[in-house]
């Protein structure tokens, strides 16, 4: 493999991995609700608190 192809493959792999790691669960899903339950309540944003109430408590 030429050095140029190796660099291109490396960059493509890094972009792909970054995309996988950057994915957050969908708001309102069980996984999302659990993540918020595990997060300290003082770190919640107003939107997170509202969404949590709508999707996790008032289901």
PDB file of N, CA and C in Angstrom:
ATOM      1  N   UNK A   1       0.851  -1.170   0.000  1.00  0.00           N
ATOM      2  CA  UNK A   1       0.000   0.000   0.000  1.00  0.00           C
ATOM      3  C   UNK A   1       0.899   1.236   0.000  1.00  0.00           C
ATOM      4  N   UNK A   2       0.573   2.175  -0.852  1.00  0.00           N
ATOM      5  CA  UNK A   2       1.386   3.386  -0.932  1.00  0.00           C
ATOM      6  C   UNK A   2       1.102   4.270   0.277  1.00  0.00           C
ATOM      7  N   UNK A   3       2.058   5.128   0.607  1.00  0.00           N
ATOM      8  CA  UNK A   3       1.853   6.016   1.772  1.00  0.00           C
ATOM      9  C   UNK A   3       0.613   6.904   1.635  1.00  0.00           C
ATOM     10  N   UNK A   4       0.303   7.329   0.421  1.00  0.00           N
ATOM     11  CA  UNK A   4      -0.867   8.185   0.209  1.00  0.00           C
ATOM     12  C   UNK A   4      -2.153   7.409   0.484  1.00  0.00           C
ATOM     13  N   UNK A   5      -2.233   6.177   0.008  1.00  0.00           N
ATOM     14  CA  UNK A   5      -3.422   5.354   0.254  1.00  0.00           C
ATOM     15  C   UNK A   5      -3.554   5.040   1.731  1.00  0.00           C
ATOM     16  N   UNK A   6      -2.447   4.785   2.389  1.00  0.00           N
ATOM     17  CA  UNK A   6      -2.470   4.480   3.821  1.00  0.00           C
ATOM     18  C   UNK A   6      -3.022   5.665   4.609  1.00  0.00           C
ATOM     19  N   UNK A   7      -2.592   6.877   4.236  1.00  0.00           N
ATOM     20  CA  UNK A   7      -3.094   8.077   4.913  1.00  0.00           C
ATOM     21  C   UNK A   7      -4.588   8.257   4.660  1.00  0.00           C
ATOM     22  N   UNK A   8      -5.014   8.014   3.428  1.00  0.00           N
ATOM     23  CA  UNK A   8      -6.422   8.160   3.084  1.00  0.00           C
ATOM     24  C   UNK A   8      -7.274   7.159   3.860  1.00  0.00           C
ATOM     25  N   UNK A   9      -6.821   5.931   3.943  1.00  0.00           N
ATOM     26  CA  UNK A   9      -7.553   4.908   4.696  1.00  0.00           C
ATOM     27  C   UNK A   9      -7.599   5.282   6.174  1.00  0.00           C
ATOM     28  N   UNK A  10      -6.494   5.777   6.708  1.00  0.00           N
ATOM     29  CA  UNK A  10      -6.458   6.179   8.117  1.00  0.00           C
ATOM     30  C   UNK A  10      -7.443   7.307   8.400  1.00  0.00           C
ATOM     31  N   UNK A  11      -7.476   8.293   7.535  1.00  0.00           N
ATOM     32  CA  UNK A  11      -8.393   9.422   7.716  1.00  0.00           C
ATOM     33  C   UNK A  11      -9.838   8.938   7.631  1.00  0.00           C
ATOM     34  N   UNK A  12     -10.136   8.084   6.681  1.00  0.00           N
ATOM     35  CA  UNK A  12     -11.506   7.557   6.544  1.00  0.00           C
ATOM     36  C   UNK A  12     -11.909   6.779   7.794  1.00  0.00           C
ATOM     37  N   UNK A  13     -11.019   5.971   8.330  1.00  0.00           N
ATOM     38  CA  UNK A  13     -11.320   5.222   9.543  1.00  0.00           C
ATOM     39  C   UNK A  13     -11.553   6.138  10.737  1.00  0.00           C
ATOM     40  N   UNK A  14     -10.757   7.187  10.865  1.00  0.00           N
ATOM     41  CA  UNK A  14     -10.932   8.120  11.976  1.00  0.00           C
ATOM     42  C   UNK A  14     -12.273   8.845  11.873  1.00  0.00           C
ATOM     43  N   UNK A  15     -12.660   9.248  10.682  1.00  0.00           N
ATOM     44  CA  UNK A  15     -13.942   9.928  10.488  1.00  0.00           C
ATOM     45  C   UNK A  15     -15.088   8.977  10.816  1.00  0.00           C
ATOM     46  N   UNK A  16     -14.977   7.730  10.378  1.00  0.00           N
ATOM     47  CA  UNK A  16     -16.004   6.727  10.658  1.00  0.00           C
ATOM     48  C   UNK A  16     -16.130   6.478  12.155  1.00  0.00           C
ATOM     49  N   UNK A  17     -15.000   6.332  12.854  1.00  0.00           N
ATOM     50  CA  UNK A  17     -15.023   6.110  14.300  1.00  0.00           C
ATOM     51  C   UNK A  17     -15.597   7.316  15.041  1.00  0.00           C
ATOM     52  N   UNK A  18     -15.239   8.507  14.604  1.00  0.00           N
ATOM     53  CA  UNK A  18     -15.767   9.716  15.240  1.00  0.00           C
ATOM     54  C   UNK A  18     -17.292   9.767  15.084  1.00  0.00           C
ATOM     55  N   UNK A  19     -17.781   9.345  13.940  1.00  0.00           N
ATOM     56  CA  UNK A  19     -19.220   9.307  13.721  1.00  0.00           C
ATOM     57  C   UNK A  19     -19.910   8.314  14.642  1.00  0.00           C
ATOM     58  N   UNK A  20     -19.282   7.165  14.850  1.00  0.00           N
ATOM     59  CA  UNK A  20     -19.862   6.164  15.749  1.00  0.00           C
ATOM     60  C   UNK A  20     -19.868   6.632  17.191  1.00  0.00           C
ATOM     61  N   UNK A  21     -18.789   7.228  17.620  1.00  0.00           N
ATOM     62  CA  UNK A  21     -18.679   7.649  19.015  1.00  0.00           C
ATOM     63  C   UNK A  21     -19.517   8.881  19.314  1.00  0.00           C
ATOM     64  N   UNK A  22     -19.823   9.663  18.301  1.00  0.00           N
ATOM     65  CA  UNK A  22     -20.573  10.891  18.501  1.00  0.00           C
ATOM     66  C   UNK A  22     -22.075  10.698  18.525  1.00  0.00           C
ATOM     67  N   UNK A  23     -22.526   9.489  18.312  1.00  0.00           N
ATOM     68  CA  UNK A  23     -23.964   9.235  18.260  1.00  0.00           C
ATOM     69  C   UNK A  23     -24.551   9.190  19.675  1.00  0.00           C
ATOM     70  N   UNK A  24     -25.563   9.959  19.882  1.00  0.00           N
ATOM     71  CA  UNK A  24     -26.254   9.958  21.169  1.00  0.00           C
ATOM     72  C   UNK A  24     -27.580   9.241  20.993  1.00  0.00           C
ATOM     73  N   UNK A  25     -28.083   8.620  22.039  1.00  0.00           N
ATOM     74  CA  UNK A  25     -29.383   7.951  21.915  1.00  0.00           C
ATOM     75  C   UNK A  25     -30.497   8.955  21.644  1.00  0.00           C
ATOM     76  N   UNK A  26     -31.541   8.481  21.008  1.00  0.00           N
ATOM     77  CA  UNK A  26     -32.673   9.333  20.660  1.00  0.00           C
ATOM     78  C   UNK A  26     -33.391   9.805  21.924  1.00  0.00           C
ATOM     79  N   UNK A  27     -33.763  11.074  21.930  1.00  0.00           N
ATOM     80  CA  UNK A  27     -34.472  11.649  23.071  1.00  0.00           C
ATOM     81  C   UNK A  27     -35.761  10.875  23.288  1.00  0.00           C
ATOM     82  N   UNK A  28     -35.969  10.447  24.526  1.00  0.00           N
ATOM     83  CA  UNK A  28     -37.168   9.709  24.879  1.00  0.00           C
ATOM     84  C   UNK A  28     -36.990   8.199  24.871  1.00  0.00           C
ATOM     85  N   UNK A  29     -35.868   7.720  24.318  1.00  0.00           N
ATOM     86  CA  UNK A  29     -35.644   6.272  24.320  1.00  0.00           C
ATOM     87  C   UNK A  29     -35.279   5.813  25.733  1.00  0.00           C
ATOM     88  N   UNK A  30     -35.410   4.514  25.972  1.00  0.00           N
ATOM     89  CA  UNK A  30     -35.075   3.986  27.297  1.00  0.00           C
ATOM     90  C   UNK A  30     -33.611   4.260  27.651  1.00  0.00           C
ATOM     91  N   UNK A  31     -32.737   4.139  26.658  1.00  0.00           N
ATOM     92  CA  UNK A  31     -31.310   4.381  26.888  1.00  0.00           C
ATOM     93  C   UNK A  31     -31.073   5.853  27.259  1.00  0.00           C
ATOM     94  N   UNK A  32     -31.770   6.750  26.578  1.00  0.00           N
ATOM     95  CA  UNK A  32     -31.618   8.175  26.860  1.00  0.00           C
ATOM     96  C   UNK A  32     -32.107   8.492  28.275  1.00  0.00           C
ATOM     97  N   UNK A  33     -33.260   7.929  28.645  1.00  0.00           N
ATOM     98  CA  UNK A  33     -33.806   8.154  29.986  1.00  0.00           C
ATOM     99  C   UNK A  33     -32.820   7.663  31.049  1.00  0.00           C
ATOM    100  N   UNK A  34     -32.243   6.489  30.819  1.00  0.00           N
ATOM    101  CA  UNK A  34     -31.287   5.939  31.782  1.00  0.00           C
ATOM    102  C   UNK A  34     -30.042   6.811  31.879  1.00  0.00           C
ATOM    103  N   UNK A  35     -29.556   7.319  30.743  1.00  0.00           N
ATOM    104  CA  UNK A  35     -28.385   8.210  30.758  1.00  0.00           C
ATOM    105  C   UNK A  35     -28.667   9.449  31.595  1.00  0.00           C
ATOM    106  N   UNK A  36     -29.845  10.004  31.457  1.00  0.00           N
ATOM    107  CA  UNK A  36     -30.189  11.198  32.224  1.00  0.00           C
ATOM    108  C   UNK A  36     -30.348  10.880  33.700  1.00  0.00           C
ATOM    109  N   UNK A  37     -30.895   9.720  34.018  1.00  0.00           N
ATOM    110  CA  UNK A  37     -31.020   9.326  35.426  1.00  0.00           C
ATOM    111  C   UNK A  37     -29.647   9.203  36.080  1.00  0.00           C
ATOM    112  N   UNK A  38     -28.655   8.756  35.305  1.00  0.00           N
ATOM    113  CA  UNK A  38     -27.303   8.578  35.827  1.00  0.00           C
ATOM    114  C   UNK A  38     -26.530   9.894  35.914  1.00  0.00           C
ATOM    115  N   UNK A  39     -26.978  10.907  35.172  1.00  0.00           N
ATOM    116  CA  UNK A  39     -26.308  12.205  35.140  1.00  0.00           C
ATOM    117  C   UNK A  39     -26.771  13.034  36.341  1.00  0.00           C
ATOM    118  N   UNK A  40     -25.849  13.741  37.019  1.00  0.00           N
ATOM    119  CA  UNK A  40     -26.268  14.586  38.150  1.00  0.00           C
ATOM    120  C   UNK A  40     -27.305  15.622  37.703  1.00  0.00           C
ATOM    121  N   UNK A  41     -28.350  15.768  38.479  1.00  0.00           N
ATOM    122  CA  UNK A  41     -29.456  16.653  38.100  1.00  0.00           C
ATOM    123  C   UNK A  41     -29.034  18.112  37.968  1.00  0.00           C
ATOM    124  N   UNK A  42     -27.991  18.504  38.668  1.00  0.00           N
ATOM    125  CA  UNK A  42     -27.485  19.866  38.547  1.00  0.00           C
ATOM    126  C   UNK A  42     -26.837  20.143  37.203  1.00  0.00           C
ATOM    127  N   UNK A  43     -26.491  19.077  36.459  1.00  0.00           N
ATOM    128  CA  UNK A  43     -25.859  19.226  35.145  1.00  0.00           C
ATOM    129  C   UNK A  43     -26.869  19.182  34.004  1.00  0.00           C
ATOM    130  N   UNK A  44     -28.146  18.966  34.317  1.00  0.00           N
ATOM    131  CA  UNK A  44     -29.167  18.913  33.275  1.00  0.00           C
ATOM    132  C   UNK A  44     -29.446  20.312  32.742  1.00  0.00           C
ATOM    133  N   UNK A  45     -29.684  20.392  31.435  1.00  0.00           N
ATOM    134  CA  UNK A  45     -30.131  21.669  30.867  1.00  0.00           C
ATOM    135  C   UNK A  45     -31.650  21.756  31.045  1.00  0.00           C
ATOM    136  N   UNK A  46     -32.194  22.918  30.824  1.00  0.00           N
ATOM    137  CA  UNK A  46     -33.641  23.100  30.935  1.00  0.00           C
ATOM    138  C   UNK A  46     -34.358  22.214  29.911  1.00  0.00           C
ATOM    139  N   UNK A  47     -33.812  22.127  28.705  1.00  0.00           N
ATOM    140  CA  UNK A  47     -34.423  21.287  27.671  1.00  0.00           C
ATOM    141  C   UNK A  47     -34.392  19.811  28.064  1.00  0.00           C
ATOM    142  N   UNK A  48     -33.280  19.365  28.643  1.00  0.00           N
ATOM    143  CA  UNK A  48     -33.180  17.974  29.079  1.00  0.00           C
ATOM    144  C   UNK A  48     -34.218  17.673  30.161  1.00  0.00           C
ATOM    145  N   UNK A  49     -34.367  18.590  31.107  1.00  0.00           N
ATOM    146  CA  UNK A  49     -35.337  18.383  32.186  1.00  0.00           C
ATOM    147  C   UNK A  49     -36.755  18.318  31.630  1.00  0.00           C
ATOM    148  N   UNK A  50     -37.074  19.187  30.697  1.00  0.00           N
ATOM    149  CA  UNK A  50     -38.404  19.189  30.084  1.00  0.00           C
ATOM    150  C   UNK A  50     -38.644  17.900  29.309  1.00  0.00           C
ATOM    151  N   UNK A  51     -37.651  17.510  28.485  1.00  0.00           N
ATOM    152  CA  UNK A  51     -37.783  16.283  27.703  1.00  0.00           C
ATOM    153  C   UNK A  51     -37.875  15.055  28.609  1.00  0.00           C
ATOM    154  N   UNK A  52     -37.107  15.049  29.698  1.00  0.00           N
ATOM    155  CA  UNK A  52     -37.161  13.932  30.629  1.00  0.00           C
ATOM    156  C   UNK A  52     -38.561  13.800  31.230  1.00  0.00           C
ATOM    157  N   UNK A  53     -39.128  14.927  31.634  1.00  0.00           N
ATOM    158  CA  UNK A  53     -40.481  14.904  32.216  1.00  0.00           C
ATOM    159  C   UNK A  53     -41.506  14.398  31.203  1.00  0.00           C
ATOM    160  N   UNK A  54     -41.396  14.852  29.973  1.00  0.00           N
ATOM    161  CA  UNK A  54     -42.369  14.468  28.935  1.00  0.00           C
ATOM    162  C   UNK A  54     -42.218  13.011  28.528  1.00  0.00           C
ATOM    163  N   UNK A  55     -40.984  12.552  28.338  1.00  0.00           N
ATOM    164  CA  UNK A  55     -40.754  11.244  27.733  1.00  0.00           C
ATOM    165  C   UNK A  55     -40.491  10.124  28.736  1.00  0.00           C
ATOM    166  N   UNK A  56     -40.005  10.448  29.906  1.00  0.00           N
ATOM    167  CA  UNK A  56     -39.611   9.391  30.838  1.00  0.00           C
ATOM    168  C   UNK A  56     -40.560   9.274  32.027  1.00  0.00           C
ATOM    169  N   UNK A  57     -41.175  10.371  32.414  1.00  0.00           N
ATOM    170  CA  UNK A  57     -42.064  10.335  33.581  1.00  0.00           C
ATOM    171  C   UNK A  57     -43.517  10.242  33.151  1.00  0.00           C
ATOM    172  N   UNK A  58     -43.906  11.051  32.167  1.00  0.00           N
ATOM    173  CA  UNK A  58     -45.318  11.126  31.767  1.00  0.00           C
ATOM    174  C   UNK A  58     -45.648  10.224  30.591  1.00  0.00           C
ATOM    175  N   UNK A  59     -44.908   9.159  30.395  1.00  0.00           N
ATOM    176  CA  UNK A  59     -45.168   8.239  29.269  1.00  0.00           C
ATOM    177  C   UNK A  59     -46.573   7.724  29.314  1.00  0.00           C
TER     178      UNK A  59
END
